[in-house]
Protein backbone atom coordinates (compact mmCIF):
# COMPACT_ATOMS: atom_id res chain seq x y z
CA UNK A 1 -70.28 -31.58 22.69
CA UNK A 2 -70.93 -34.89 20.93
CA UNK A 3 -68.57 -37.06 18.91
CA UNK A 4 -69.02 -37.55 15.21
CA UNK A 5 -67.81 -41.13 15.54
CA UNK A 6 -66.45 -43.61 18.07
CA UNK A 7 -63.00 -43.17 16.53
CA UNK A 8 -63.15 -39.44 17.43
CA UNK A 9 -63.85 -40.45 21.02
CA UNK A 10 -60.95 -42.90 21.11
CA UNK A 11 -58.61 -40.26 19.71
CA UNK A 12 -59.61 -37.66 22.26
CA UNK A 13 -61.14 -35.45 19.57
CA UNK A 14 -64.22 -34.39 21.47
CA UNK A 15 -64.68 -32.92 24.93
CA UNK A 16 -66.70 -34.78 27.52
CA UNK A 17 -69.00 -32.51 29.51
CA UNK A 18 -69.88 -33.35 33.08
CA UNK A 19 -72.95 -35.55 32.97
CA UNK A 20 -76.15 -35.07 34.90
CA UNK A 21 -77.76 -38.12 36.47
CA UNK A 22 -80.01 -38.52 33.40
CA UNK A 23 -77.24 -38.22 30.85
CA UNK A 24 -74.98 -40.59 32.81
CA UNK A 25 -77.74 -43.18 32.86
CA UNK A 26 -78.21 -42.73 29.14
CA UNK A 27 -74.47 -43.14 28.59
CA UNK A 28 -74.43 -46.38 30.57
CA UNK A 29 -77.40 -47.67 28.59
CA UNK A 30 -75.58 -46.86 25.38
CA UNK A 31 -72.43 -48.64 26.54
CA UNK A 32 -74.39 -51.78 27.30
CA UNK A 33 -75.90 -51.70 23.82
CA UNK A 34 -72.47 -51.26 22.26
CA UNK A 35 -71.09 -54.08 24.41
CA UNK A 36 -73.46 -56.57 22.86
CA UNK A 37 -71.75 -56.05 19.50
CA UNK A 38 -68.32 -55.13 20.87
CA UNK A 39 -67.92 -56.97 24.19
CA UNK A 40 -64.36 -55.98 24.84
CA UNK A 41 -65.23 -52.36 25.52
CA UNK A 42 -64.34 -48.78 24.88
CA UNK A 43 -61.28 -47.78 26.87
CA UNK A 44 -58.67 -45.51 25.31
CA UNK A 45 -55.67 -47.81 25.56
CA UNK A 46 -52.97 -48.57 23.01
CA UNK A 47 -55.20 -48.85 19.92
CA UNK A 48 -53.41 -48.99 16.61
CA UNK A 49 -54.63 -46.07 14.52
CA UNK A 50 -56.14 -48.24 11.80
CA UNK A 51 -57.99 -50.53 14.24
CA UNK A 52 -55.96 -53.57 13.15
CA UNK A 53 -52.71 -55.19 14.31
CA UNK A 54 -53.34 -53.68 17.71
CA UNK A 55 -50.58 -55.65 19.29
CA UNK A 56 -47.77 -53.78 17.54
CA UNK A 57 -44.54 -55.61 16.68
CA UNK A 58 -44.05 -59.26 16.02
CA UNK A 59 -41.49 -59.91 18.76
CA UNK A 60 -42.69 -61.40 22.09
CA UNK A 61 -41.55 -58.26 23.88
CA UNK A 62 -43.78 -56.08 21.77
CA UNK A 63 -46.68 -58.24 20.61
CA UNK A 64 -49.80 -56.84 22.15
CA UNK A 65 -48.23 -53.84 23.81
CA UNK A 66 -50.38 -51.55 21.80
CA UNK A 67 -53.26 -53.76 22.96
CA UNK A 68 -56.06 -51.40 22.21
CA UNK A 69 -59.54 -50.62 23.21
CA UNK A 70 -60.78 -50.54 19.63
CA UNK A 71 -61.94 -54.08 20.16
CA UNK A 72 -63.46 -54.82 16.77
CA UNK A 73 -60.00 -56.16 15.82
CA UNK A 74 -59.31 -58.01 19.10
CA UNK A 75 -58.90 -61.24 17.20
CA UNK A 76 -55.87 -59.70 15.47
CA UNK A 77 -54.43 -58.36 18.72
CA UNK A 78 -51.41 -60.62 18.78
CA UNK A 79 -50.43 -59.63 15.22
CA UNK A 80 -47.04 -59.74 13.68
CA UNK A 81 -45.32 -57.11 11.60
CA UNK A 82 -42.41 -54.80 11.89
CA UNK A 83 -41.05 -54.60 15.44
CA UNK A 84 -39.91 -51.02 14.92
CA UNK A 85 -42.31 -49.03 17.08
CA UNK A 86 -41.53 -45.88 15.13
CA UNK A 87 -42.99 -47.35 11.96
CA UNK A 88 -46.58 -46.92 13.12
CA UNK A 89 -48.22 -43.52 12.54
CA UNK A 90 -49.13 -41.62 15.66
CA UNK A 91 -52.68 -40.60 16.49
CA UNK A 92 -53.54 -36.91 16.46
CA UNK A 93 -54.50 -35.57 19.88
CA UNK A 94 -56.72 -32.58 20.52
CA UNK A 95 -55.41 -30.22 23.17
CA UNK A 96 -58.90 -29.53 24.48
CA UNK A 97 -59.60 -33.18 25.39
CA UNK A 98 -60.95 -33.63 28.90
CA UNK A 99 -61.13 -36.42 31.46
CA UNK A 100 -64.48 -38.18 31.42
CA UNK A 101 -66.92 -37.87 34.32
CA UNK A 102 -66.49 -40.43 37.12
CA UNK A 103 -66.79 -43.83 35.49
CA UNK A 104 -68.63 -46.47 37.54
CA UNK A 105 -66.56 -49.20 35.89
CA UNK A 106 -63.31 -47.49 36.89
CA UNK A 107 -64.60 -46.89 40.41
CA UNK A 108 -65.61 -50.53 40.78
CA UNK A 109 -62.18 -51.75 39.61
CA UNK A 110 -60.52 -49.62 42.28
CA UNK A 111 -63.00 -50.82 44.89
CA UNK A 112 -62.29 -54.45 44.04
CA UNK A 113 -58.59 -53.80 44.55
CA UNK A 114 -59.29 -52.11 47.92
CA UNK A 115 -57.04 -49.21 46.94
CA UNK A 116 -55.78 -47.12 49.88
CA UNK A 117 -53.61 -43.97 50.04
CA UNK A 118 -50.43 -45.96 50.80
CA UNK A 119 -50.73 -47.97 47.57
CA UNK A 120 -48.76 -47.59 44.36
CA UNK A 121 -51.07 -48.47 41.48
CA UNK A 122 -49.74 -49.29 38.02
CA UNK A 123 -52.20 -49.18 35.11
CA UNK A 124 -51.07 -51.24 32.11
CA UNK A 125 -52.27 -49.73 28.84
CA UNK A 126 -53.31 -46.54 30.63
CA UNK A 127 -54.91 -44.76 27.65
CA UNK A 128 -56.17 -41.27 28.51
CA UNK A 129 -55.24 -41.88 32.16
CA UNK A 130 -58.72 -41.99 33.66
CA UNK A 131 -58.09 -45.00 35.91
CA UNK A 132 -54.73 -43.83 37.27
CA UNK A 133 -56.14 -40.33 37.74
CA UNK A 134 -59.16 -41.69 39.62
CA UNK A 135 -56.88 -43.74 41.89
CA UNK A 136 -55.03 -40.56 42.91
CA UNK A 137 -57.99 -38.17 42.93
CA UNK A 138 -60.64 -40.36 44.57
CA UNK A 139 -58.60 -42.90 46.59
CA UNK A 140 -55.46 -40.87 47.45
CA UNK A 141 -53.05 -43.43 45.97
CA UNK A 142 -49.91 -42.85 43.95
CA UNK A 143 -50.28 -44.08 40.38
CA UNK A 144 -48.22 -44.84 37.32
CA UNK A 145 -49.61 -45.37 33.83
CA UNK A 146 -47.79 -47.21 31.04
CA UNK A 147 -48.89 -46.96 27.41
CA UNK A 148 -47.31 -47.70 24.04
CA UNK A 149 -48.58 -44.59 22.24
CA UNK A 150 -46.57 -41.39 22.93
CA UNK A 151 -49.43 -39.12 21.89
CA UNK A 152 -51.86 -40.72 24.30
CA UNK A 153 -49.24 -40.53 27.06
CA UNK A 154 -49.06 -36.76 26.54
CA UNK A 155 -52.84 -36.56 26.65
CA UNK A 156 -52.89 -38.46 29.94
CA UNK A 157 -50.30 -36.10 31.41
CA UNK A 158 -52.40 -33.08 30.49
CA UNK A 159 -55.47 -34.74 31.98
CA UNK A 160 -53.60 -35.36 35.24
CA UNK A 161 -52.58 -31.69 35.38
CA UNK A 162 -56.15 -30.59 34.69
CA UNK A 163 -57.40 -32.80 37.52
CA UNK A 164 -54.77 -31.50 39.95
CA UNK A 165 -53.05 -34.85 40.56
CA UNK A 166 -49.92 -34.50 38.41
CA UNK A 167 -47.71 -34.76 41.49
CA UNK A 168 -49.20 -38.16 42.37
CA UNK A 169 -49.57 -39.66 38.88
CA UNK A 170 -46.83 -40.40 36.35
CA UNK A 171 -47.43 -41.51 32.77
CA UNK A 172 -44.77 -43.03 30.55
CA UNK A 173 -44.37 -44.73 27.22
CA UNK A 174 -43.32 -48.35 27.58
CA UNK A 175 -43.51 -51.95 26.44
CA UNK A 176 -45.80 -53.80 28.83
CA UNK A 177 -43.81 -57.03 28.57
CA UNK A 178 -40.41 -55.48 29.31
CA UNK A 179 -41.15 -52.48 31.55
CA UNK A 180 -40.50 -53.15 35.24
CA UNK A 181 -43.63 -52.56 37.33
CA UNK A 182 -42.75 -54.98 40.14
CA UNK A 183 -42.97 -52.27 42.83
CA UNK A 184 -46.75 -51.97 42.40
CA UNK A 185 -49.17 -52.82 45.19
CA UNK A 186 -52.04 -52.83 42.70
CA UNK A 187 -51.99 -53.59 38.97
CA UNK A 188 -54.94 -52.70 36.75
CA UNK A 189 -55.36 -53.50 33.08
CA UNK A 190 -57.80 -53.49 30.20
CA UNK A 191 -55.96 -55.24 27.40
CA UNK A 192 -56.70 -57.88 24.81
CA UNK A 193 -57.42 -61.47 25.86
CA UNK A 194 -54.09 -62.64 24.43
CA UNK A 195 -51.99 -59.99 26.13
CA UNK A 196 -53.82 -60.41 29.43
CA UNK A 197 -52.83 -64.08 29.44
CA UNK A 198 -49.23 -63.32 28.45
CA UNK A 199 -48.87 -60.82 31.30
CA UNK A 200 -49.79 -63.57 33.79
CA UNK A 201 -46.27 -64.87 34.36
CA UNK A 202 -45.00 -61.37 35.11
CA UNK A 203 -47.77 -60.90 37.65
CA UNK A 204 -47.09 -64.22 39.39
CA UNK A 205 -43.48 -63.12 39.90
CA UNK A 206 -44.57 -60.03 41.83
CA UNK A 207 -44.58 -59.82 45.60
CA UNK A 208 -47.27 -61.93 47.32
CA UNK A 209 -50.37 -59.96 48.12
CA UNK A 210 -50.22 -57.72 45.04
CA UNK A 211 -53.79 -57.13 43.87
CA UNK A 212 -54.54 -57.41 40.17
CA UNK A 213 -57.76 -56.23 38.50
CA UNK A 214 -58.55 -56.87 34.84
CA UNK A 215 -61.52 -55.48 32.99
CA UNK A 216 -63.33 -58.02 30.82
CA UNK A 217 -60.59 -60.61 30.37
CA UNK A 218 -59.52 -63.42 32.70
CA UNK A 219 -56.17 -65.20 32.96
CA UNK A 220 -56.81 -68.77 31.87
CA UNK A 221 -57.11 -71.27 34.70
CA UNK A 222 -55.87 -68.82 37.34
CA UNK A 223 -59.27 -68.30 38.93
CA UNK A 224 -60.11 -64.80 40.22
CA UNK A 225 -60.83 -64.25 43.90
CA UNK A 226 -63.83 -62.10 43.03
CA UNK A 227 -65.64 -60.90 39.92
CA UNK A 228 -68.04 -57.99 39.49
CA UNK A 229 -70.40 -57.04 36.70
CA UNK A 230 -72.04 -53.74 35.79
CA UNK A 231 -74.47 -54.29 32.97
CA UNK A 232 -72.58 -56.31 30.36
CA UNK A 233 -69.14 -55.25 31.62
CA UNK A 234 -67.11 -57.45 33.95
CA UNK A 235 -64.11 -56.96 36.22
CA UNK A 236 -61.97 -59.63 37.93
CA UNK A 237 -59.69 -59.54 40.99
CA UNK A 238 -56.68 -61.75 41.68
CA UNK A 239 -54.25 -61.70 44.60
CA UNK A 240 -50.70 -62.80 43.79
CA UNK A 241 -50.02 -65.91 45.89
CA UNK A 242 -46.87 -66.78 47.79
CA UNK A 243 -45.09 -69.97 46.75
CA UNK A 244 -46.04 -72.59 49.34
CA UNK A 245 -45.23 -75.57 47.12
CA UNK A 246 -42.45 -78.04 47.78
CA UNK A 247 -41.18 -80.11 50.70
CA UNK A 248 -41.27 -78.99 54.33
CA UNK A 249 -40.26 -80.32 57.75
CA UNK A 250 -41.64 -79.42 61.17
CA UNK A 251 -42.24 -80.68 64.68
CA UNK A 252 -45.74 -81.17 66.03
CA UNK A 253 -46.33 -81.13 69.77
CA UNK A 254 -48.44 -84.07 70.95
CA UNK A 255 -49.29 -85.39 74.45
CA UNK A 256 -46.52 -87.99 74.20
CA UNK A 257 -43.98 -85.40 73.08
CA UNK A 258 -42.91 -83.73 69.84
CA UNK A 259 -43.36 -85.64 66.60
CA UNK A 260 -41.27 -85.07 63.50
CA UNK A 261 -43.46 -84.32 60.49
CA UNK A 262 -42.69 -84.02 56.79
CA UNK A 263 -45.06 -82.27 54.43
CA UNK A 264 -45.26 -82.04 50.65
CA UNK A 265 -47.42 -79.38 48.97
CA UNK A 266 -48.32 -79.05 45.32
CA UNK A 267 -49.50 -75.62 44.22
CA UNK A 268 -51.30 -74.30 41.18
CA UNK A 269 -51.95 -70.60 41.55
CA UNK A 270 -53.80 -70.16 44.87
CA UNK A 271 -54.96 -73.79 45.10
CA UNK A 272 -52.97 -76.27 47.19
CA UNK A 273 -53.01 -79.99 47.74
CA UNK A 274 -50.55 -82.26 49.47
CA UNK A 275 -49.96 -84.61 52.35
CA UNK A 276 -48.16 -84.94 55.68
CA UNK A 277 -46.31 -87.94 57.09
CA UNK A 278 -46.29 -88.31 60.87
CA UNK A 279 -45.90 -91.29 63.22
CA UNK A 280 -46.17 -93.75 60.35
CA UNK A 281 -49.37 -92.15 59.00
CA UNK A 282 -49.55 -90.48 55.60
CA UNK A 283 -52.60 -88.19 55.37
CA UNK A 284 -53.75 -85.56 52.91
CA UNK A 285 -54.26 -81.89 53.57
CA UNK A 286 -57.78 -80.48 53.63
CA UNK A 287 -59.11 -76.95 53.02
CA UNK A 288 -55.69 -75.97 51.67
CA UNK A 289 -55.24 -72.62 49.93
CA UNK A 290 -53.06 -69.54 49.88
CA UNK A 291 -54.14 -65.90 49.69
CA UNK A 292 -51.28 -63.49 49.25
CA UNK A 293 -48.65 -64.57 51.78
CA UNK A 294 -51.19 -66.29 54.06
CA UNK A 295 -51.59 -70.07 53.91
CA UNK A 296 -54.36 -72.18 55.46
CA UNK A 297 -54.70 -75.97 55.67
CA UNK A 298 -55.76 -78.71 58.08
CA UNK A 299 -55.01 -82.39 58.69
CA UNK A 300 -55.75 -85.12 61.25
CA UNK A 301 -52.74 -85.94 63.44
CA UNK A 302 -51.60 -89.32 64.73
CA UNK A 303 -53.79 -88.99 67.83
CA UNK A 304 -56.91 -88.35 65.77
CA UNK A 305 -57.10 -84.61 66.46
CA UNK A 306 -57.79 -82.13 63.68
CA UNK A 307 -54.94 -79.67 63.37
CA UNK A 308 -55.66 -76.36 61.60
CA UNK A 309 -52.73 -74.24 60.44
CA UNK A 310 -52.77 -70.54 59.60
CA UNK A 311 -49.34 -69.20 58.73
CA UNK A 312 -47.37 -66.65 56.74
CA UNK A 313 -45.30 -68.03 53.88
CA UNK A 314 -41.73 -66.80 53.62
CA UNK A 315 -39.13 -67.98 51.09
CA UNK A 316 -37.65 -70.60 53.42
CA UNK A 317 -40.26 -71.08 56.14
CA UNK A 318 -43.88 -70.90 57.25
CA UNK A 319 -44.56 -69.23 60.57
CA UNK A 320 -47.90 -68.96 62.30
CA UNK A 321 -50.17 -70.97 64.60
CA UNK A 322 -51.68 -74.45 64.76
CA UNK A 323 -54.66 -75.51 66.80
CA UNK A 324 -53.90 -78.16 69.43
CA UNK A 325 -55.98 -81.18 70.41
CA UNK A 326 -57.64 -79.43 73.33
CA UNK A 327 -58.55 -76.36 71.28
CA UNK A 328 -55.65 -74.17 72.34
CA UNK A 329 -53.33 -72.53 69.83
CA UNK A 330 -49.62 -73.28 69.64
CA UNK A 331 -46.83 -71.77 67.52
CA UNK A 332 -46.27 -73.32 64.12
CA UNK A 333 -42.94 -73.32 62.28
CA UNK A 334 -42.11 -75.28 59.14
CA UNK A 335 -38.83 -75.09 57.24
CA UNK A 336 -38.46 -75.64 53.53
CA UNK A 337 -36.24 -78.50 52.34
CA UNK A 338 -35.06 -78.21 48.77
CA UNK A 339 -36.00 -75.66 46.15
CA UNK A 340 -39.48 -74.29 45.60
CA UNK A 341 -41.07 -75.61 42.38
CA UNK A 342 -42.70 -73.21 39.90
CA UNK A 343 -45.87 -71.73 41.31
CA UNK A 344 -47.94 -72.85 38.31
CA UNK A 345 -46.96 -76.51 38.90
CA UNK A 346 -44.87 -78.48 36.47
CA UNK A 347 -46.15 -78.05 32.88
CA UNK A 348 -43.93 -75.93 30.58
CA UNK A 349 -45.39 -72.69 29.21
CA UNK A 350 -47.65 -73.15 26.17
CA UNK A 351 -46.33 -72.14 22.73
CA UNK A 352 -46.46 -68.42 22.02
CA UNK A 353 -49.73 -67.98 20.04
CA UNK A 354 -48.33 -64.87 18.34
CA UNK A 355 -45.52 -66.80 16.63
CA UNK A 356 -45.70 -69.26 13.76
CA UNK A 357 -44.08 -72.66 14.03
CA UNK A 358 -41.09 -71.58 11.94
CA UNK A 359 -40.35 -68.28 13.68
């Protein structure tokens, strides 16, 4: 069955038959053509029924939570308006709607995140549920989908039942900026550019090592660990970093005995820079970065030997190993002194782009 219009597809008003290899290729070709005019894509996620004001209410907690996949109005995605979610009409949903055939874009997003059966995946703006359903059906994970539209949530629930994964997938209506999804091991999203950037602070507060995959949109100057592209569509992976910034103290074993060392690290997202002070020498760190809860850096000690540190970052200490002058490996332990600074460094958050100067 074919759709009379793209709006019918977004509203779940036409069934999607299983595609042969030829028809799937034709569908991908068509999506690339559409992407040239509509680069933000086609996912069924939180679209306002009239294609405008896709972000919903004008409060920070609700702006953008209906961040839709009808991307022709993406520029209006942070729109204002009445914050009463009940004031927006609900989209009609056909009861015969079906889950689409395996989507190579969805599959690639889950591959980037390295989803495994022990993971809990949370899909923000889950639409018809295809990504959360694929995580459970094809990767064995548990999944949770959050969407602003109650009708589309019901559609996703029916799709999960039809695919036989209802026991492993839960869909709920919620505000993306206020709903707690901190227990996730993997977060996926296909939102507007504005909402993707606003979600960033919530993601950085999650446990280190959480994997985050966004379709199309990046998160400002937080650089992704890896990006993939299929045709004109792109996907980006981030790993939530531990907070390694601040002041630290440690002892370094040297041939003449242990040396007291102080270390200061500045952190912006996963990038680190800083310096160590030992035996009257102040030297900078090299090759410094953090991935999840793992930190790596190197420096030249007072004897001229390169010391390389690989450690796990905990709230009050780093524990791991440091290479010694003769090439052996010794234990490494550093203790934090003082409070950890914000992980994004010192600048205050930028003004909320969804609010006017007088609001």
